Protein backbone atom coordinates (compact mmCIF):
# COMPACT_ATOMS: atom_id res chain seq x y z
CA MET A 1 -6.21 28.32 40.00
CA SER A 2 -6.12 31.55 41.96
CA THR A 3 -4.88 31.67 45.55
CA PHE A 4 -6.17 32.09 48.97
CA LYS A 5 -4.23 32.38 51.87
CA GLN A 6 -5.96 32.86 55.09
CA GLU A 7 -4.02 34.92 57.65
CA PRO A 8 -4.85 34.82 61.35
CA CYS A 9 -7.12 37.91 61.81
CA PRO A 10 -8.63 37.62 65.52
CA GLN A 11 -10.35 40.98 65.37
CA PRO A 12 -11.54 42.79 62.10
CA SER A 13 -9.33 45.22 60.10
CA CYS A 14 -12.12 47.88 60.14
CA SER A 15 -15.66 48.49 61.48
CA CYS A 16 -16.92 47.91 58.26
CA CYS A 17 -15.50 44.53 57.70
CA PRO A 18 -17.46 41.28 58.42
CA HIS A 19 -15.80 39.07 61.29
CA GLN A 20 -13.24 36.69 60.27
CA LEU A 21 -12.37 33.62 62.23
CA PRO A 22 -8.70 32.63 62.67
CA GLY A 23 -7.19 30.50 59.71
CA ASP A 24 -4.74 27.60 60.57
CA GLY A 25 -2.63 27.65 57.46
CA GLY A 26 -4.05 23.91 55.99
CA PHE A 27 -5.70 25.43 52.90
CA ALA A 28 -3.52 27.85 51.27
CA GLY A 29 -3.18 27.27 47.43
CA ILE A 30 -6.85 26.69 46.87
CA THR A 31 -9.83 28.74 46.69
CA ARG A 32 -12.74 28.29 49.19
CA ARG A 33 -15.10 28.44 46.08
CA GLY A 34 -13.05 25.78 44.04
CA PHE A 35 -12.74 23.46 47.04
CA LEU A 36 -16.39 23.59 47.49
CA GLY A 37 -17.32 23.25 43.63
CA GLY A 38 -15.19 20.40 43.25
CA LEU A 39 -16.72 18.57 46.07
CA GLY A 40 -20.22 18.25 43.96
CA GLY A 41 -23.47 19.23 44.92
CA THR A 42 -24.21 15.24 45.90
CA ALA A 43 -21.60 15.25 48.62
CA LEU A 44 -22.43 18.22 50.38
CA GLY A 45 -26.33 17.95 49.87
CA GLY A 46 -26.25 14.57 51.54
CA LEU A 47 -24.07 15.44 54.57
CA ALA A 48 -24.63 17.46 57.64
CA LEU A 49 -21.83 20.01 57.98
CA ALA A 50 -21.04 19.19 61.36
CA GLY A 51 -18.85 16.71 61.99
CA MET A 52 -18.05 16.28 58.16
CA SER A 53 -15.00 13.81 57.32
CA TRP A 54 -13.03 13.63 54.25
CA PRO A 55 -13.32 10.22 54.18
CA ALA A 56 -17.41 10.46 53.80
CA LEU A 57 -16.92 13.44 51.65
CA SER A 58 -14.77 11.63 49.20
CA ALA A 59 -16.96 8.55 49.12
CA ALA A 60 -19.96 10.21 48.41
CA ASP A 61 -18.51 12.79 45.59
CA GLU A 62 -19.16 12.14 42.23
CA PRO A 63 -17.54 13.62 39.00
CA ALA A 64 -18.57 17.21 38.04
CA GLY A 65 -21.17 17.24 35.55
CA PRO A 66 -23.57 20.20 34.14
CA CYS A 67 -24.85 22.81 36.37
CA PRO A 68 -28.42 21.51 38.15
CA ASP A 69 -31.42 22.41 35.93
CA ARG A 70 -32.82 25.89 37.24
CA LYS A 71 -36.24 26.76 37.70
CA THR A 72 -38.25 27.98 34.61
CA LEU A 73 -39.74 31.65 34.94
CA VAL A 74 -43.00 31.09 34.00
CA VAL A 75 -44.18 34.99 32.49
CA LYS A 76 -48.04 35.99 31.51
CA PRO A 77 -48.29 38.40 29.01
CA ILE A 78 -51.43 40.92 28.66
CA PHE A 79 -51.97 43.60 26.36
CA THR A 80 -54.31 46.39 27.81
CA TYR A 81 -56.20 48.34 25.19
CA GLY A 82 -59.42 49.95 24.35
CA THR A 83 -61.27 50.77 20.82
CA TYR A 84 -63.54 53.98 20.45
CA VAL A 85 -66.10 55.16 17.87
CA HIS A 86 -65.71 58.29 16.66
CA ARG A 87 -67.91 61.18 17.71
CA ASP A 88 -68.28 64.80 16.11
CA ARG A 89 -67.55 67.90 17.60
CA THR A 90 -66.29 66.13 21.11
CA SER A 91 -63.25 64.17 22.68
CA TRP A 92 -63.76 60.25 21.74
CA ARG A 93 -60.73 58.78 22.27
CA PRO A 94 -57.36 59.22 24.38
CA TRP A 95 -54.20 59.87 22.19
CA GLY A 96 -52.35 57.14 21.09
CA GLY A 97 -51.98 54.45 18.23
CA VAL A 98 -54.24 51.53 19.08
CA GLU A 99 -57.99 52.77 18.93
CA THR A 100 -59.50 50.15 16.59
CA PRO A 101 -60.01 46.39 16.45
CA GLU A 102 -57.79 46.10 13.40
CA HIS A 103 -55.11 48.22 15.42
CA ALA A 104 -55.54 45.63 18.36
CA GLU A 105 -55.02 42.71 15.86
CA GLU A 106 -52.41 44.07 14.34
CA GLU A 107 -50.64 45.02 17.70
CA LYS A 108 -51.32 41.66 19.21
CA ALA A 109 -49.49 40.09 16.04
CA ARG A 110 -46.42 42.23 16.67
CA ILE A 111 -45.97 41.58 20.55
CA GLY A 112 -46.31 37.60 19.49
CA GLY A 113 -43.64 38.01 16.86
CA GLU A 114 -41.50 39.78 19.88
CA ILE A 115 -42.37 37.16 22.55
CA GLU A 116 -41.20 34.53 20.06
CA LYS A 117 -38.19 36.14 19.36
CA LEU A 118 -37.65 37.01 22.71
CA VAL A 119 -37.79 33.19 23.94
CA SER A 120 -35.43 32.04 21.20
CA THR A 121 -32.91 34.65 22.66
CA ALA A 122 -32.85 33.97 26.21
CA ASP A 123 -30.17 32.35 28.06
CA PHE A 124 -32.17 31.22 30.93
CA PRO A 125 -35.40 29.22 31.44
CA VAL A 126 -38.50 31.21 30.61
CA LYS A 127 -42.04 29.72 29.69
CA ILE A 128 -44.37 32.47 28.23
CA LEU A 129 -47.74 31.90 28.62
CA PRO A 130 -50.36 32.67 25.69
CA LEU A 131 -51.00 36.26 25.20
CA SER A 132 -54.48 37.67 26.71
CA SER A 133 -56.02 41.07 25.60
CA VAL A 134 -57.80 42.89 28.25
CA ARG A 135 -60.05 46.36 27.86
CA SER A 136 -61.76 45.99 31.48
CA LYS A 137 -61.12 44.85 34.89
CA ALA A 138 -64.13 42.55 34.33
CA GLU A 139 -62.02 40.81 31.10
CA LEU A 140 -59.23 40.47 33.15
CA GLU A 141 -61.04 38.13 35.66
CA GLN A 142 -61.72 35.65 32.72
CA VAL A 143 -57.89 35.41 32.26
CA THR A 144 -57.51 31.70 33.78
CA ASP A 145 -53.92 31.15 33.66
CA LEU A 146 -52.82 34.00 35.40
CA LYS A 147 -52.41 32.20 38.77
CA GLU A 148 -49.54 29.87 36.96
CA ALA A 149 -47.08 32.66 36.44
CA ASP A 150 -44.10 34.27 38.37
CA ALA A 151 -44.23 37.63 36.69
CA VAL A 152 -46.63 39.69 34.34
CA VAL A 153 -45.54 41.63 31.44
CA ILE A 154 -48.31 44.15 31.00
CA TYR A 155 -48.08 45.67 27.33
CA ALA A 156 -50.18 48.91 28.38
CA ALA A 157 -51.18 50.69 25.07
CA ALA A 158 -54.35 52.10 26.72
CA ALA A 159 -57.23 50.99 29.54
CA GLY A 160 -57.54 52.24 32.86
CA GLY A 161 -55.32 51.80 36.04
CA ASP A 162 -58.06 49.61 37.71
CA ILE A 163 -56.34 46.71 35.78
CA PHE A 164 -52.62 47.15 36.73
CA ASP A 165 -54.23 47.51 40.32
CA ALA A 166 -56.15 44.10 40.00
CA ILE A 167 -52.80 42.45 38.69
CA ALA A 168 -50.89 43.92 41.39
CA ALA A 169 -53.18 42.58 43.76
CA THR A 170 -51.98 38.84 43.03
CA GLY A 171 -48.97 39.30 44.48
CA LYS A 172 -47.13 38.97 40.99
CA ASN A 173 -43.86 40.67 39.95
CA ILE A 174 -44.87 43.07 37.06
CA ILE A 175 -43.09 44.66 34.56
CA PHE A 176 -44.66 47.34 32.22
CA PHE A 177 -44.01 47.29 28.56
CA VAL A 178 -44.68 50.53 26.80
CA ARG A 179 -44.17 51.75 23.11
CA TYR A 180 -42.83 54.79 21.79
CA LYS A 181 -41.00 54.38 18.51
CA SER A 182 -41.04 50.65 18.40
CA GLY A 183 -44.49 50.41 17.27
CA PRO A 184 -48.02 52.51 17.86
CA LEU A 185 -47.70 54.65 20.25
CA TYR A 186 -48.89 53.83 23.93
CA LEU A 187 -51.31 55.82 25.81
CA TRP A 188 -49.33 54.73 29.19
CA TYR A 189 -46.07 55.73 27.71
CA GLU A 190 -47.16 59.41 28.36
CA ILE A 191 -49.08 58.73 31.61
CA ILE A 192 -47.68 55.94 33.74
CA HIS A 193 -45.28 58.01 35.21
CA PRO A 194 -47.42 60.90 36.69
CA ARG A 195 -51.23 59.37 36.41
CA TYR A 196 -50.31 55.22 37.68
CA LEU A 197 -46.77 55.30 39.10
CA ARG A 198 -47.10 58.47 41.18
CA ALA A 199 -51.07 58.85 41.72
CA HIS A 200 -50.69 62.54 40.71
CA THR A 201 -48.52 63.44 43.42
CA ASP A 202 -44.86 64.18 44.08
CA HIS A 203 -43.88 60.64 45.06
CA LEU A 204 -44.22 56.76 44.22
CA ALA A 205 -47.48 55.67 45.09
CA LYS A 206 -47.63 52.19 44.30
CA GLU A 207 -45.76 49.67 46.88
CA GLY A 208 -43.36 47.64 45.62
CA MET A 209 -43.32 49.67 42.06
CA THR A 210 -40.79 51.89 40.60
CA TYR A 211 -39.63 53.54 37.58
CA ARG A 212 -37.39 50.57 36.81
CA ASP A 213 -40.10 48.51 36.38
CA VAL A 214 -41.30 50.57 33.43
CA VAL A 215 -39.81 49.40 29.74
CA VAL A 216 -39.74 51.80 26.65
CA ASP A 217 -39.42 49.84 23.65
CA SER A 218 -36.50 47.98 24.18
CA GLN A 219 -36.59 44.11 24.08
CA ASP A 220 -33.11 43.70 25.54
CA GLU A 221 -34.12 45.57 28.59
CA LEU A 222 -37.49 43.22 28.86
CA LEU A 223 -35.21 40.29 28.64
CA MET A 224 -32.52 41.83 31.32
CA ARG A 225 -35.60 42.33 33.73
CA LEU A 226 -36.91 38.77 33.23
CA ARG A 227 -33.42 37.60 33.51
CA ALA A 228 -33.14 39.01 36.83
CA LEU A 229 -36.68 37.71 37.91
CA CYS A 230 -35.41 34.31 36.88
CA GLY A 231 -32.23 34.39 39.09
CA LEU A 232 -34.45 35.82 41.84
CA LYS A 233 -36.72 32.74 41.59
CA ASN A 234 -33.85 30.03 41.78
CA THR A 235 -32.37 32.05 44.69
CA PHE A 236 -35.25 32.29 46.92
CA GLY A 237 -35.31 29.33 49.27
CA THR A 238 -32.00 27.64 48.43
CA LYS A 239 -29.44 26.27 50.95
CA ILE A 240 -25.98 27.89 51.07
CA ILE A 241 -23.12 27.17 52.45
CA ALA A 242 -21.34 29.69 54.88
CA VAL A 243 -17.61 29.37 55.06
CA GLY A 244 -16.44 30.80 58.18
CA GLY A 245 -20.10 31.89 59.15
CA PRO A 246 -22.53 34.28 57.41
CA SER A 247 -22.36 37.94 58.18
CA GLY A 248 -23.28 41.31 56.55
CA TRP A 249 -20.82 44.27 55.39
CA ALA A 250 -21.10 46.47 58.30
CA HIS A 251 -24.81 45.26 59.09
CA PRO A 252 -24.67 42.21 61.45
CA GLU A 253 -28.23 41.58 60.83
CA ALA A 254 -27.88 40.62 57.22
CA PRO A 255 -27.97 37.15 57.70
CA GLN A 256 -31.24 37.11 59.77
CA LEU A 257 -32.81 39.43 56.95
CA ALA A 258 -31.60 36.76 54.29
CA LYS A 259 -33.14 34.19 55.99
CA GLU A 260 -36.55 36.17 56.56
CA ARG A 261 -36.96 37.74 53.30
CA TRP A 262 -35.17 35.38 50.79
CA GLN A 263 -35.81 32.13 52.80
CA LEU A 264 -32.14 31.08 52.75
CA ASP A 265 -31.02 27.82 54.45
CA ILE A 266 -28.07 28.82 55.69
CA HIS A 267 -25.43 26.32 56.81
CA THR A 268 -21.93 27.24 58.26
CA LEU A 269 -18.58 25.44 57.64
CA THR A 270 -16.19 26.92 60.00
CA TYR A 271 -12.38 27.93 58.76
CA ASP A 272 -10.83 25.25 61.12
CA GLU A 273 -13.61 22.45 59.50
CA LEU A 274 -12.47 23.47 56.27
CA GLY A 275 -8.74 23.47 56.60
CA LYS A 276 -8.83 20.00 58.30
CA LEU A 277 -10.92 18.62 55.08
CA ILE A 278 -8.32 20.20 52.70
CA GLN A 279 -5.31 18.85 54.68
CA ALA A 280 -7.14 15.42 54.58
CA ALA A 281 -8.10 15.78 50.65
CA ARG A 282 -4.48 16.28 49.89
CA GLN A 283 -3.12 13.11 51.49
CA ASP A 284 -5.69 11.65 49.31
CA PRO A 285 -3.81 10.52 45.78
CA LYS A 286 -7.28 10.52 43.81
CA ALA A 287 -8.40 13.61 44.77
CA MET A 288 -5.26 15.51 44.18
CA GLU A 289 -5.27 13.53 40.67
CA ARG A 290 -8.49 14.91 40.16
CA ALA A 291 -8.01 18.53 41.29
CA ARG A 292 -4.82 18.30 38.67
CA ARG A 293 -6.96 17.21 35.93
CA LYS A 294 -9.62 20.25 36.50
CA THR A 295 -6.73 22.54 36.48
CA GLU A 296 -5.39 21.47 33.28
């Protein structure tokens, strides 16, 4: 176990450091992360931090078990495409490798296989809703399970940007997947940057969307983004304990922003309170024995 020794620090060491409260030396030899982790979620979740005592914590404590189940990220995959009829001596289709109903069926099967593999390798809880295939905004309106999703993966083979706008209007997190070499070339691989994200300008034009929301070919990058969204879902609205009080790295407004933007329920445990708890815990033979077992 690493050692953390709190030195008295009545003033921040520099203007960029978060404020720290003086310590009483009562918790040298144990990390604050390790101490709080050893208490268990039941103890801290069931007691108010103000006026906490070691006997109350010890009575509520339970043997450490597995981590609490994380919330499952629900993802809706949507395949946007078009089918076209050949016409002589005129333009009759956009570029791209999906242009017939047969091509579309092949691509849906390819996407289905990739999704199945992605779910089997995911190291976070994720549920993938059935793949929907749409060619127009009107067809999108028939997708009834979109409202269930936390995030949408758009397999943007073709079709219009008005479909993307309609999905964005739902407020869902969006990831675009486009193909270059992993299958038939997608039209939006070529034009999503200038035509949609920048809307024929020199700057990003879609609120809440950046180039990083586009994945080209890579299932690993798609998985990485879904993992991040799962983490976001499991962070939003959670309860945290701020030892010594919440602060921001050179930004004193950070705690309030965290409450407003992430809806974090922040509870303060002062260093003085923590020191007293640790001192009391060290006088508890059962607690010390349990701590020794956990470090073996």
